[in-house]
Amino acid sequence: MDIKSQNGDFLGKIQMQSLESDHVVDQIVRTLSPGDGKAIYIADAKENPFTQQTNYAAVEWGHSLNELRESLKGWQPKFPSPDAQIENVQVYYGFNNLTPDEIEAMAEESRRTGQKVVVRDLKPNNTLVGVRLTYSGERTYILQTFGTTKSRIELSEHELSQVKTLLVREAEAFYFSNHGADRLIWIEAGSGGKALQYELIGQQMSQAALIQIAEAMSTEA
Protein backbone atom coordinates (compact mmCIF):
# COMPACT_ATOMS: atom_id res chain seq x y z
CA MET A 1 0.00 0.00 0.00
CA ASP A 2 1.33 3.42 -0.95
CA ILE A 3 1.55 5.80 2.00
CA LYS A 4 0.95 9.48 1.27
CA SER A 5 1.09 12.66 3.30
CA GLN A 6 -1.97 14.76 4.02
CA ASN A 7 -0.98 16.83 0.98
CA GLY A 8 -1.00 13.73 -1.20
CA ASP A 9 2.79 13.45 -1.50
CA PHE A 10 4.18 9.90 -1.74
CA LEU A 11 6.06 8.96 1.46
CA GLY A 12 6.67 5.24 1.09
CA LYS A 13 5.17 1.80 0.67
CA ILE A 14 4.28 -0.89 3.21
CA GLN A 15 3.43 -4.30 1.75
CA MET A 16 1.75 -6.94 3.89
CA GLN A 17 2.49 -10.31 2.26
CA SER A 18 1.19 -13.77 3.00
CA LEU A 19 3.71 -16.38 4.11
CA GLU A 20 1.92 -18.70 1.72
CA SER A 21 2.67 -16.53 -1.32
CA ASP A 22 4.57 -18.43 -4.01
CA HIS A 23 5.69 -15.31 -5.91
CA VAL A 24 9.38 -15.56 -6.77
CA VAL A 25 10.29 -12.34 -4.93
CA ASP A 26 8.58 -13.55 -1.77
CA GLN A 27 10.40 -16.87 -2.03
CA ILE A 28 13.76 -15.10 -2.34
CA VAL A 29 12.99 -12.72 0.53
CA ARG A 30 12.35 -15.70 2.83
CA THR A 31 15.89 -16.95 2.20
CA LEU A 32 17.55 -13.68 3.23
CA SER A 33 19.53 -13.82 6.46
CA PRO A 34 20.16 -10.59 8.40
CA GLY A 35 22.81 -8.69 6.49
CA ASP A 36 21.82 -10.11 3.08
CA GLY A 37 20.64 -8.14 0.07
CA LYS A 38 19.62 -9.31 -3.40
CA ALA A 39 19.03 -7.61 -6.74
CA ILE A 40 16.33 -9.48 -8.69
CA TYR A 41 15.49 -9.24 -12.38
CA ILE A 42 12.26 -10.93 -13.51
CA ALA A 43 11.90 -10.99 -17.29
CA ASP A 44 8.15 -11.49 -17.46
CA ALA A 45 7.19 -9.11 -14.64
CA LYS A 46 3.98 -7.22 -15.37
CA GLU A 47 5.35 -3.98 -13.91
CA ASN A 48 8.94 -3.18 -12.89
CA PRO A 49 11.14 -6.18 -13.80
CA PHE A 50 13.92 -5.09 -11.42
CA THR A 51 13.79 -4.97 -7.63
CA GLN A 52 16.21 -4.88 -4.71
CA GLN A 53 15.33 -6.72 -1.50
CA THR A 54 17.26 -6.44 1.74
CA ASN A 55 17.28 -7.86 5.25
CA TYR A 56 19.17 -5.33 7.35
CA ALA A 57 21.24 -6.65 10.26
CA ALA A 58 21.12 -4.87 13.62
CA VAL A 59 24.62 -4.17 14.99
CA GLU A 60 25.62 -2.59 18.29
CA TRP A 61 26.26 1.15 18.22
CA GLY A 62 29.71 1.62 19.75
CA HIS A 63 29.47 5.35 20.39
CA SER A 64 27.47 7.72 22.58
CA LEU A 65 23.80 8.53 22.16
CA ASN A 66 24.74 12.13 21.39
CA GLU A 67 26.96 10.92 18.54
CA LEU A 68 24.04 8.89 17.21
CA ARG A 69 21.79 11.93 17.32
CA GLU A 70 24.45 13.87 15.42
CA SER A 71 24.59 11.11 12.78
CA LEU A 72 20.80 11.42 12.39
CA LYS A 73 20.81 15.21 12.26
CA GLY A 74 19.64 15.26 8.65
CA TRP A 75 16.70 13.01 9.53
CA GLN A 76 15.43 14.98 12.52
CA PRO A 77 13.61 11.88 13.85
CA LYS A 78 11.18 11.79 16.74
CA PHE A 79 11.77 9.89 19.97
CA PRO A 80 9.58 8.80 22.90
CA SER A 81 9.24 10.82 26.09
CA PRO A 82 12.54 11.89 27.76
CA ASP A 83 11.39 9.87 30.79
CA ALA A 84 11.77 6.66 28.77
CA GLN A 85 15.06 4.91 29.55
CA ILE A 86 17.15 3.60 26.67
CA GLU A 87 18.58 0.19 27.50
CA ASN A 88 20.24 -0.74 24.22
CA VAL A 89 21.17 0.99 20.95
CA GLN A 90 21.65 -0.81 17.65
CA VAL A 91 21.89 0.49 14.10
CA TYR A 92 21.36 -0.80 10.57
CA TYR A 93 23.65 -0.20 7.60
CA GLY A 94 22.60 -0.32 3.96
CA PHE A 95 23.68 -1.76 0.64
CA ASN A 96 25.01 -0.29 -2.60
CA ASN A 97 22.40 0.01 -5.33
CA LEU A 98 23.19 -1.64 -8.64
CA THR A 99 24.22 0.73 -11.40
CA PRO A 100 22.18 1.03 -14.63
CA ASP A 101 24.94 -0.91 -16.43
CA GLU A 102 24.76 -3.73 -13.87
CA ILE A 103 20.97 -3.89 -14.21
CA GLU A 104 21.25 -4.03 -18.00
CA ALA A 105 23.80 -6.85 -17.64
CA MET A 106 21.21 -8.84 -15.68
CA ALA A 107 18.61 -8.23 -18.39
CA GLU A 108 21.11 -9.26 -21.06
CA GLU A 109 21.92 -12.47 -19.17
CA SER A 110 18.20 -13.24 -19.04
CA ARG A 111 17.85 -12.71 -22.79
CA ARG A 112 20.99 -14.73 -23.57
CA THR A 113 20.30 -17.71 -21.32
CA GLY A 114 16.51 -17.74 -21.33
CA GLN A 115 16.44 -17.52 -17.53
CA LYS A 116 13.30 -15.73 -16.37
CA VAL A 117 14.89 -14.77 -13.03
CA VAL A 118 18.43 -13.43 -12.51
CA VAL A 119 19.72 -12.69 -9.01
CA ARG A 120 22.78 -10.76 -7.81
CA ASP A 121 24.17 -10.12 -4.33
CA LEU A 122 24.09 -6.53 -3.11
CA LYS A 123 27.25 -5.22 -1.48
CA PRO A 124 26.85 -3.84 2.07
CA ASN A 125 28.12 -0.36 2.85
CA ASN A 126 28.57 1.93 5.86
CA THR A 127 25.56 4.13 5.20
CA LEU A 128 23.31 4.38 8.25
CA VAL A 129 19.75 3.44 7.21
CA GLY A 130 18.06 2.64 10.51
CA VAL A 131 18.15 2.69 14.29
CA ARG A 132 16.83 0.18 16.83
CA LEU A 133 16.33 1.53 20.37
CA THR A 134 15.24 -0.71 23.24
CA TYR A 135 13.46 1.08 26.08
CA SER A 136 12.99 -0.28 29.59
CA GLY A 137 11.19 0.81 32.71
CA GLU A 138 7.48 0.62 33.40
CA ARG A 139 7.04 -0.67 29.84
CA THR A 140 9.65 -2.44 27.72
CA TYR A 141 9.42 -1.86 23.99
CA ILE A 142 11.51 -1.31 20.86
CA LEU A 143 11.46 1.68 18.52
CA GLN A 144 12.84 1.17 15.02
CA THR A 145 13.31 4.15 12.72
CA PHE A 146 14.33 3.79 9.08
CA GLY A 147 15.33 6.33 6.46
CA THR A 148 14.23 3.80 3.85
CA THR A 149 10.45 3.75 3.50
CA LYS A 150 9.63 0.66 1.47
CA SER A 151 8.89 -2.42 3.57
CA ARG A 152 7.72 -5.95 2.88
CA ILE A 153 6.22 -7.70 5.91
CA GLU A 154 5.31 -11.38 5.74
CA LEU A 155 2.48 -12.63 7.95
CA SER A 156 0.42 -15.77 8.29
CA GLU A 157 -3.09 -15.72 6.84
CA HIS A 158 -4.50 -15.41 10.37
CA GLU A 159 -2.17 -12.50 11.20
CA LEU A 160 -3.07 -10.79 7.93
CA SER A 161 -6.75 -11.03 8.76
CA GLN A 162 -6.08 -9.26 12.08
CA VAL A 163 -4.17 -6.25 10.68
CA LYS A 164 -5.82 -2.98 11.70
CA THR A 165 -5.52 0.25 9.73
CA LEU A 166 -5.71 3.43 11.78
CA LEU A 167 -4.40 6.98 12.10
CA VAL A 168 -1.38 7.74 14.28
CA ARG A 169 0.17 11.21 14.46
CA GLU A 170 -2.14 12.15 11.57
CA ALA A 171 -0.49 9.41 9.47
CA GLU A 172 -1.87 6.12 8.19
CA ALA A 173 -0.63 3.29 10.40
CA PHE A 174 -0.92 -0.48 10.81
CA TYR A 175 -1.28 -2.38 14.06
CA PHE A 176 -0.76 -6.15 14.02
CA SER A 177 0.77 -9.09 15.88
CA ASN A 178 3.61 -11.19 14.53
CA HIS A 179 5.45 -14.04 16.32
CA GLY A 180 3.95 -12.96 19.64
CA ALA A 181 5.01 -9.31 19.30
CA ASP A 182 2.55 -6.44 18.89
CA ARG A 183 3.65 -3.94 16.26
CA LEU A 184 2.62 -0.45 15.20
CA ILE A 185 4.15 0.86 11.96
CA TRP A 186 3.71 4.14 10.12
CA ILE A 187 5.53 6.63 7.87
CA GLU A 188 5.70 10.36 8.37
CA ALA A 189 7.85 13.23 7.17
CA GLY A 190 10.31 14.62 9.70
CA SER A 191 10.62 18.32 10.46
CA GLY A 192 13.43 18.40 7.90
CA GLY A 193 11.09 17.04 5.24
CA LYS A 194 12.63 13.54 5.00
CA ALA A 195 10.13 10.68 5.13
CA LEU A 196 10.87 8.22 7.95
CA GLN A 197 9.38 4.85 8.79
CA TYR A 198 8.67 4.22 12.46
CA GLU A 199 7.86 0.93 14.13
CA LEU A 200 7.02 0.31 17.78
CA ILE A 201 7.29 -3.29 18.99
CA GLY A 202 6.09 -4.55 22.36
CA GLN A 203 5.34 -7.89 23.95
CA GLN A 204 1.64 -8.16 24.80
CA MET A 205 1.15 -4.43 24.41
CA SER A 206 -2.25 -3.18 23.43
CA GLN A 207 -2.99 -1.00 20.46
CA ALA A 208 -3.83 1.85 22.85
CA ALA A 209 -0.49 1.54 24.71
CA LEU A 210 1.58 1.67 21.53
CA ILE A 211 -0.45 4.58 20.17
CA GLN A 212 0.06 6.45 23.44
CA ILE A 213 3.86 6.09 23.08
CA ALA A 214 3.72 7.14 19.42
CA GLU A 215 1.60 10.23 20.04
CA ALA A 216 4.02 11.44 22.74
CA MET A 217 7.07 11.26 20.46
CA SER A 218 8.92 14.45 19.61
CA THR A 219 12.27 15.69 18.31
CA GLU A 220 13.04 17.08 21.76
CA ALA A 221 12.93 13.73 23.54
C-alpha atoms as a PDB file:
ATOM      1  CA  MET A   1       0.000   0.000   0.000  1.00  0.00           C
ATOM      2  CA  ASP A   2       1.330   3.424  -0.951  1.00  0.00           C
ATOM      3  CA  ILE A   3       1.549   5.803   2.000  1.00  0.00           C
ATOM      4  CA  LYS A   4       0.953   9.479   1.274  1.00  0.00           C
ATOM      5  CA  SER A   5       1.087  12.660   3.299  1.00  0.00           C
ATOM      6  CA  GLN A   6      -1.975  14.756   4.025  1.00  0.00           C
ATOM      7  CA  ASN A   7      -0.975  16.830   0.982  1.00  0.00           C
ATOM      8  CA  GLY A   8      -1.001  13.726  -1.202  1.00  0.00           C
ATOM      9  CA  ASP A   9       2.793  13.450  -1.499  1.00  0.00           C
ATOM     10  CA  PHE A  10       4.180   9.902  -1.740  1.00  0.00           C
ATOM     11  CA  LEU A  11       6.057   8.962   1.456  1.00  0.00           C
ATOM     12  CA  GLY A  12       6.665   5.238   1.093  1.00  0.00           C
ATOM     13  CA  LYS A  13       5.170   1.799   0.669  1.00  0.00           C
ATOM     14  CA  ILE A  14       4.276  -0.892   3.212  1.00  0.00           C
ATOM     15  CA  GLN A  15       3.430  -4.296   1.746  1.00  0.00           C
ATOM     16  CA  MET A  16       1.748  -6.935   3.892  1.00  0.00           C
ATOM     17  CA  GLN A  17       2.487 -10.306   2.258  1.00  0.00           C
ATOM     18  CA  SER A  18       1.195 -13.773   2.996  1.00  0.00           C
ATOM     19  CA  LEU A  19       3.713 -16.378   4.112  1.00  0.00           C
ATOM     20  CA  GLU A  20       1.918 -18.695   1.721  1.00  0.00           C
ATOM     21  CA  SER A  21       2.673 -16.532  -1.323  1.00  0.00           C
ATOM     22  CA  ASP A  22       4.567 -18.427  -4.013  1.00  0.00           C
ATOM     23  CA  HIS A  23       5.686 -15.311  -5.910  1.00  0.00           C
ATOM     24  CA  VAL A  24       9.377 -15.556  -6.775  1.00  0.00           C
ATOM     25  CA  VAL A  25      10.295 -12.343  -4.933  1.00  0.00           C
ATOM     26  CA  ASP A  26       8.576 -13.545  -1.770  1.00  0.00           C
ATOM     27  CA  GLN A  27      10.401 -16.874  -2.029  1.00  0.00           C
ATOM     28  CA  ILE A  28      13.761 -15.104  -2.336  1.00  0.00           C
ATOM     29  CA  VAL A  29      12.991 -12.719   0.531  1.00  0.00           C
ATOM     30  CA  ARG A  30      12.349 -15.697   2.834  1.00  0.00           C
ATOM     31  CA  THR A  31      15.890 -16.948   2.201  1.00  0.00           C
ATOM     32  CA  LEU A  32      17.552 -13.679   3.227  1.00  0.00           C
ATOM     33  CA  SER A  33      19.528 -13.824   6.455  1.00  0.00           C
ATOM     34  CA  PRO A  34      20.157 -10.586   8.400  1.00  0.00           C
ATOM     35  CA  GLY A  35      22.811  -8.688   6.487  1.00  0.00           C
ATOM     36  CA  ASP A  36      21.817 -10.111   3.083  1.00  0.00           C
ATOM     37  CA  GLY A  37      20.645  -8.137   0.070  1.00  0.00           C
ATOM     38  CA  LYS A  38      19.622  -9.314  -3.401  1.00  0.00           C
ATOM     39  CA  ALA A  39      19.028  -7.614  -6.738  1.00  0.00           C
ATOM     40  CA  ILE A  40      16.333  -9.480  -8.687  1.00  0.00           C
ATOM     41  CA  TYR A  41      15.492  -9.243 -12.382  1.00  0.00           C
ATOM     42  CA  ILE A  42      12.257 -10.929 -13.509  1.00  0.00           C
ATOM     43  CA  ALA A  43      11.901 -10.990 -17.291  1.00  0.00           C
ATOM     44  CA  ASP A  44       8.148 -11.490 -17.463  1.00  0.00           C
ATOM     45  CA  ALA A  45       7.191  -9.115 -14.635  1.00  0.00           C
ATOM     46  CA  LYS A  46       3.983  -7.217 -15.366  1.00  0.00           C
ATOM     47  CA  GLU A  47       5.351  -3.983 -13.909  1.00  0.00           C
ATOM     48  CA  ASN A  48       8.940  -3.177 -12.893  1.00  0.00           C
ATOM     49  CA  PRO A  49      11.142  -6.182 -13.802  1.00  0.00           C
ATOM     50  CA  PHE A  50      13.917  -5.094 -11.421  1.00  0.00           C
ATOM     51  CA  THR A  51      13.792  -4.966  -7.627  1.00  0.00           C
ATOM     52  CA  GLN A  52      16.212  -4.883  -4.713  1.00  0.00           C
ATOM     53  CA  GLN A  53      15.329  -6.720  -1.504  1.00  0.00           C
ATOM     54  CA  THR A  54      17.260  -6.444   1.739  1.00  0.00           C
ATOM     55  CA  ASN A  55      17.285  -7.857   5.246  1.00  0.00           C
ATOM     56  CA  TYR A  56      19.170  -5.333   7.351  1.00  0.00           C
ATOM     57  CA  ALA A  57      21.243  -6.649  10.263  1.00  0.00           C
ATOM     58  CA  ALA A  58      21.123  -4.872  13.625  1.00  0.00           C
ATOM     59  CA  VAL A  59      24.615  -4.167  14.992  1.00  0.00           C
ATOM     60  CA  GLU A  60      25.624  -2.590  18.288  1.00  0.00           C
ATOM     61  CA  TRP A  61      26.261   1.151  18.220  1.00  0.00           C
ATOM     62  CA  GLY A  62      29.715   1.619  19.749  1.00  0.00           C
ATOM     63  CA  HIS A  63      29.470   5.346  20.394  1.00  0.00           C
ATOM     64  CA  SER A  64      27.473   7.718  22.577  1.00  0.00           C
ATOM     65  CA  LEU A  65      23.800   8.534  22.163  1.00  0.00           C
ATOM     66  CA  ASN A  66      24.740  12.131  21.389  1.00  0.00           C
ATOM     67  CA  GLU A  67      26.958  10.919  18.544  1.00  0.00           C
ATOM     68  CA  LEU A  68      24.041   8.891  17.209  1.00  0.00           C
ATOM     69  CA  ARG A  69      21.794  11.933  17.321  1.00  0.00           C
ATOM     70  CA  GLU A  70      24.450  13.874  15.418  1.00  0.00           C
ATOM     71  CA  SER A  71      24.595  11.113  12.782  1.00  0.00           C
ATOM     72  CA  LEU A  72      20.803  11.415  12.394  1.00  0.00           C
ATOM     73  CA  LYS A  73      20.809  15.209  12.259  1.00  0.00           C
ATOM     74  CA  GLY A  74      19.642  15.258   8.649  1.00  0.00           C
ATOM     75  CA  TRP A  75      16.703  13.008   9.529  1.00  0.00           C
ATOM     76  CA  GLN A  76      15.429  14.982  12.523  1.00  0.00           C
ATOM     77  CA  PRO A  77      13.614  11.875  13.854  1.00  0.00           C
ATOM     78  CA  LYS A  78      11.179  11.793  16.741  1.00  0.00           C
ATOM     79  CA  PHE A  79      11.772   9.889  19.974  1.00  0.00           C
ATOM     80  CA  PRO A  80       9.578   8.803  22.903  1.00  0.00           C
ATOM     81  CA  SER A  81       9.240  10.822  26.093  1.00  0.00           C
ATOM     82  CA  PRO A  82      12.536  11.893  27.762  1.00  0.00           C
ATOM     83  CA  ASP A  83      11.386   9.870  30.793  1.00  0.00           C
ATOM     84  CA  ALA A  84      11.765   6.662  28.775  1.00  0.00           C
ATOM     85  CA  GLN A  85      15.056   4.912  29.546  1.00  0.00           C
ATOM     86  CA  ILE A  86      17.146   3.600  26.666  1.00  0.00           C
ATOM     87  CA  GLU A  87      18.583   0.190  27.504  1.00  0.00           C
ATOM     88  CA  ASN A  88      20.244  -0.744  24.219  1.00  0.00           C
ATOM     89  CA  VAL A  89      21.170   0.995  20.952  1.00  0.00           C
ATOM     90  CA  GLN A  90      21.650  -0.810  17.647  1.00  0.00           C
ATOM     91  CA  VAL A  91      21.885   0.492  14.100  1.00  0.00           C
ATOM     92  CA  TYR A  92      21.359  -0.800  10.570  1.00  0.00           C
ATOM     93  CA  TYR A  93      23.654  -0.197   7.597  1.00  0.00           C
ATOM     94  CA  GLY A  94      22.599  -0.319   3.965  1.00  0.00           C
ATOM     95  CA  PHE A  95      23.683  -1.757   0.644  1.00  0.00           C
ATOM     96  CA  ASN A  96      25.011  -0.291  -2.600  1.00  0.00           C
ATOM     97  CA  ASN A  97      22.399   0.006  -5.331  1.00  0.00           C
ATOM     98  CA  LEU A  98      23.195  -1.643  -8.639  1.00  0.00           C
ATOM     99  CA  THR A  99      24.218   0.729 -11.405  1.00  0.00           C
ATOM    100  CA  PRO A 100      22.182   1.033 -14.635  1.00  0.00           C
ATOM    101  CA  ASP A 101      24.944  -0.913 -16.425  1.00  0.00           C
ATOM    102  CA  GLU A 102      24.758  -3.732 -13.868  1.00  0.00           C
ATOM    103  CA  ILE A 103      20.968  -3.890 -14.210  1.00  0.00           C
ATOM    104  CA  GLU A 104      21.245  -4.028 -17.996  1.00  0.00           C
ATOM    105  CA  ALA A 105      23.800  -6.847 -17.644  1.00  0.00           C
ATOM    106  CA  MET A 106      21.205  -8.838 -15.678  1.00  0.00           C
ATOM    107  CA  ALA A 107      18.610  -8.230 -18.392  1.00  0.00           C
ATOM    108  CA  GLU A 108      21.114  -9.255 -21.064  1.00  0.00           C
ATOM    109  CA  GLU A 109      21.923 -12.466 -19.171  1.00  0.00           C
ATOM    110  CA  SER A 110      18.199 -13.241 -19.042  1.00  0.00           C
ATOM    111  CA  ARG A 111      17.849 -12.710 -22.794  1.00  0.00           C
ATOM    112  CA  ARG A 112      20.988 -14.726 -23.568  1.00  0.00           C
ATOM    113  CA  THR A 113      20.296 -17.707 -21.317  1.00  0.00           C
ATOM    114  CA  GLY A 114      16.507 -17.740 -21.334  1.00  0.00           C
ATOM    115  CA  GLN A 115      16.438 -17.523 -17.531  1.00  0.00           C
ATOM    116  CA  LYS A 116      13.303 -15.734 -16.366  1.00  0.00           C
ATOM    117  CA  VAL A 117      14.894 -14.774 -13.029  1.00  0.00           C
ATOM    118  CA  VAL A 118      18.428 -13.426 -12.509  1.00  0.00           C
ATOM    119  CA  VAL A 119      19.723 -12.691  -9.006  1.00  0.00           C
ATOM    120  CA  ARG A 120      22.782 -10.760  -7.813  1.00  0.00           C
ATOM    121  CA  ASP A 121      24.172 -10.117  -4.329  1.00  0.00           C
ATOM    122  CA  LEU A 122      24.086  -6.528  -3.110  1.00  0.00           C
ATOM    123  CA  LYS A 123      27.250  -5.221  -1.477  1.00  0.00           C
ATOM    124  CA  PRO A 124      26.855  -3.841   2.068  1.00  0.00           C
ATOM    125  CA  ASN A 125      28.120  -0.363   2.850  1.00  0.00           C
ATOM    126  CA  ASN A 126      28.575   1.928   5.856  1.00  0.00           C
ATOM    127  CA  THR A 127      25.559   4.126   5.196  1.00  0.00           C
ATOM    128  CA  LEU A 128      23.307   4.376   8.245  1.00  0.00           C
ATOM    129  CA  VAL A 129      19.754   3.439   7.213  1.00  0.00           C
ATOM    130  CA  GLY A 130      18.057   2.637  10.514  1.00  0.00           C
ATOM    131  CA  VAL A 131      18.153   2.690  14.292  1.00  0.00           C
ATOM    132  CA  ARG A 132      16.825   0.181  16.829  1.00  0.00           C
ATOM    133  CA  LEU A 133      16.326   1.529  20.375  1.00  0.00           C
ATOM    134  CA  THR A 134      15.237  -0.714  23.241  1.00  0.00           C
ATOM    135  CA  TYR A 135      13.460   1.079  26.076  1.00  0.00           C
ATOM    136  CA  SER A 136      12.994  -0.283  29.585  1.00  0.00           C
ATOM    137  CA  GLY A 137      11.195   0.805  32.714  1.00  0.00           C
ATOM    138  CA  GLU A 138       7.481   0.624  33.402  1.00  0.00           C
ATOM    139  CA  ARG A 139       7.036  -0.666  29.835  1.00  0.00           C
ATOM    140  CA  THR A 140       9.652  -2.440  27.724  1.00  0.00           C
ATOM    141  CA  TYR A 141       9.422  -1.863  23.994  1.00  0.00           C
ATOM    142  CA  ILE A 142      11.507  -1.307  20.862  1.00  0.00           C
ATOM    143  CA  LEU A 143      11.456   1.677  18.524  1.00  0.00           C
ATOM    144  CA  GLN A 144      12.838   1.169  15.021  1.00  0.00           C
ATOM    145  CA  THR A 145      13.312   4.151  12.720  1.00  0.00           C
ATOM    146  CA  PHE A 146      14.332   3.789   9.076  1.00  0.00           C
ATOM    147  CA  GLY A 147      15.332   6.331   6.459  1.00  0.00           C
ATOM    148  CA  THR A 148      14.226   3.799   3.849  1.00  0.00           C
ATOM    149  CA  THR A 149      10.455   3.750   3.499  1.00  0.00           C
ATOM    150  CA  LYS A 150       9.633   0.663   1.467  1.00  0.00           C
ATOM    151  CA  SER A 151       8.889  -2.423   3.567  1.00  0.00           C
ATOM    152  CA  ARG A 152       7.719  -5.949   2.877  1.00  0.00           C
ATOM    153  CA  ILE A 153       6.219  -7.699   5.910  1.00  0.00           C
ATOM    154  CA  GLU A 154       5.308 -11.383   5.744  1.00  0.00           C
ATOM    155  CA  LEU A 155       2.483 -12.626   7.946  1.00  0.00           C
ATOM    156  CA  SER A 156       0.418 -15.768   8.287  1.00  0.00           C
ATOM    157  CA  GLU A 157      -3.094 -15.724   6.837  1.00  0.00           C
ATOM    158  CA  HIS A 158      -4.497 -15.406  10.368  1.00  0.00           C
ATOM    159  CA  GLU A 159      -2.165 -12.501  11.205  1.00  0.00           C
ATOM    160  CA  LEU A 160      -3.068 -10.792   7.925  1.00  0.00           C
ATOM    161  CA  SER A 161      -6.752 -11.031   8.764  1.00  0.00           C
ATOM    162  CA  GLN A 162      -6.085  -9.257  12.079  1.00  0.00           C
ATOM    163  CA  VAL A 163      -4.171  -6.249  10.683  1.00  0.00           C
ATOM    164  CA  LYS A 164      -5.822  -2.980  11.696  1.00  0.00           C
ATOM    165  CA  THR A 165      -5.518   0.247   9.725  1.00  0.00           C
ATOM    166  CA  LEU A 166      -5.712   3.434  11.781  1.00  0.00           C
ATOM    167  CA  LEU A 167      -4.398   6.980  12.096  1.00  0.00           C
ATOM    168  CA  VAL A 168      -1.379   7.744  14.284  1.00  0.00           C
ATOM    169  CA  ARG A 169       0.173  11.207  14.464  1.00  0.00           C
ATOM    170  CA  GLU A 170      -2.138  12.151  11.566  1.00  0.00           C
ATOM    171  CA  ALA A 171      -0.491   9.408   9.471  1.00  0.00           C
ATOM    172  CA  GLU A 172      -1.871   6.120   8.185  1.00  0.00           C
ATOM    173  CA  ALA A 173      -0.633   3.287  10.396  1.00  0.00           C
ATOM    174  CA  PHE A 174      -0.917  -0.475  10.808  1.00  0.00           C
ATOM    175  CA  TYR A 175      -1.284  -2.382  14.058  1.00  0.00           C
ATOM    176  CA  PHE A 176      -0.761  -6.155  14.018  1.00  0.00           C
ATOM    177  CA  SER A 177       0.768  -9.086  15.882  1.00  0.00           C
ATOM    178  CA  ASN A 178       3.610 -11.188  14.535  1.00  0.00           C
ATOM    179  CA  HIS A 179       5.450 -14.037  16.316  1.00  0.00           C
ATOM    180  CA  GLY A 180       3.945 -12.955  19.637  1.00  0.00           C
ATOM    181  CA  ALA A 181       5.014  -9.308  19.295  1.00  0.00           C
ATOM    182  CA  ASP A 182       2.550  -6.445  18.890  1.00  0.00           C
ATOM    183  CA  ARG A 183       3.648  -3.942  16.255  1.00  0.00           C
ATOM    184  CA  LEU A 184       2.621  -0.447  15.203  1.00  0.00           C
ATOM    185  CA  ILE A 185       4.153   0.862  11.965  1.00  0.00           C
ATOM    186  CA  TRP A 186       3.711   4.144  10.116  1.00  0.00           C
ATOM    187  CA  ILE A 187       5.527   6.632   7.870  1.00  0.00           C
ATOM    188  CA  GLU A 188       5.700  10.364   8.368  1.00  0.00           C
ATOM    189  CA  ALA A 189       7.851  13.231   7.172  1.00  0.00           C
ATOM    190  CA  GLY A 190      10.307  14.623   9.703  1.00  0.00           C
ATOM    191  CA  SER A 191      10.619  18.317  10.460  1.00  0.00           C
ATOM    192  CA  GLY A 192      13.433  18.398   7.896  1.00  0.00           C
ATOM    193  CA  GLY A 193      11.091  17.038   5.237  1.00  0.00           C
ATOM    194  CA  LYS A 194      12.632  13.539   4.998  1.00  0.00           C
ATOM    195  CA  ALA A 195      10.133  10.680   5.135  1.00  0.00           C
ATOM    196  CA  LEU A 196      10.874   8.223   7.950  1.00  0.00           C
ATOM    197  CA  GLN A 197       9.375   4.852   8.786  1.00  0.00           C
ATOM    198  CA  TYR A 198       8.673   4.216  12.464  1.00  0.00           C
ATOM    199  CA  GLU A 199       7.862   0.928  14.129  1.00  0.00           C
ATOM    200  CA  LEU A 200       7.025   0.311  17.784  1.00  0.00           C
ATOM    201  CA  ILE A 201       7.285  -3.287  18.986  1.00  0.00           C
ATOM    202  CA  GLY A 202       6.086  -4.553  22.355  1.00  0.00           C
ATOM    203  CA  GLN A 203       5.338  -7.885  23.948  1.00  0.00           C
ATOM    204  CA  GLN A 204       1.643  -8.163  24.801  1.00  0.00           C
ATOM    205  CA  MET A 205       1.148  -4.431  24.414  1.00  0.00           C
ATOM    206  CA  SER A 206      -2.254  -3.180  23.431  1.00  0.00           C
ATOM    207  CA  GLN A 207      -2.995  -1.004  20.464  1.00  0.00           C
ATOM    208  CA  ALA A 208      -3.829   1.845  22.849  1.00  0.00           C
ATOM    209  CA  ALA A 209      -0.495   1.541  24.712  1.00  0.00           C
ATOM    210  CA  LEU A 210       1.584   1.669  21.528  1.00  0.00           C
ATOM    211  CA  ILE A 211      -0.446   4.583  20.172  1.00  0.00           C
ATOM    212  CA  GLN A 212       0.063   6.453  23.437  1.00  0.00           C
ATOM    213  CA  ILE A 213       3.856   6.089  23.078  1.00  0.00           C
ATOM    214  CA  ALA A 214       3.717   7.138  19.423  1.00  0.00           C
ATOM    215  CA  GLU A 215       1.600  10.233  20.039  1.00  0.00           C
ATOM    216  CA  ALA A 216       4.024  11.438  22.745  1.00  0.00           C
ATOM    217  CA  MET A 217       7.067  11.258  20.462  1.00  0.00           C
ATOM    218  CA  SER A 218       8.924  14.453  19.613  1.00  0.00           C
ATOM    219  CA  THR A 219      12.273  15.689  18.307  1.00  0.00           C
ATOM    220  CA  GLU A 220      13.036  17.084  21.761  1.00  0.00           C
ATOM    221  CA  ALA A 221      12.935  13.730  23.537  1.00  0.00           C
END
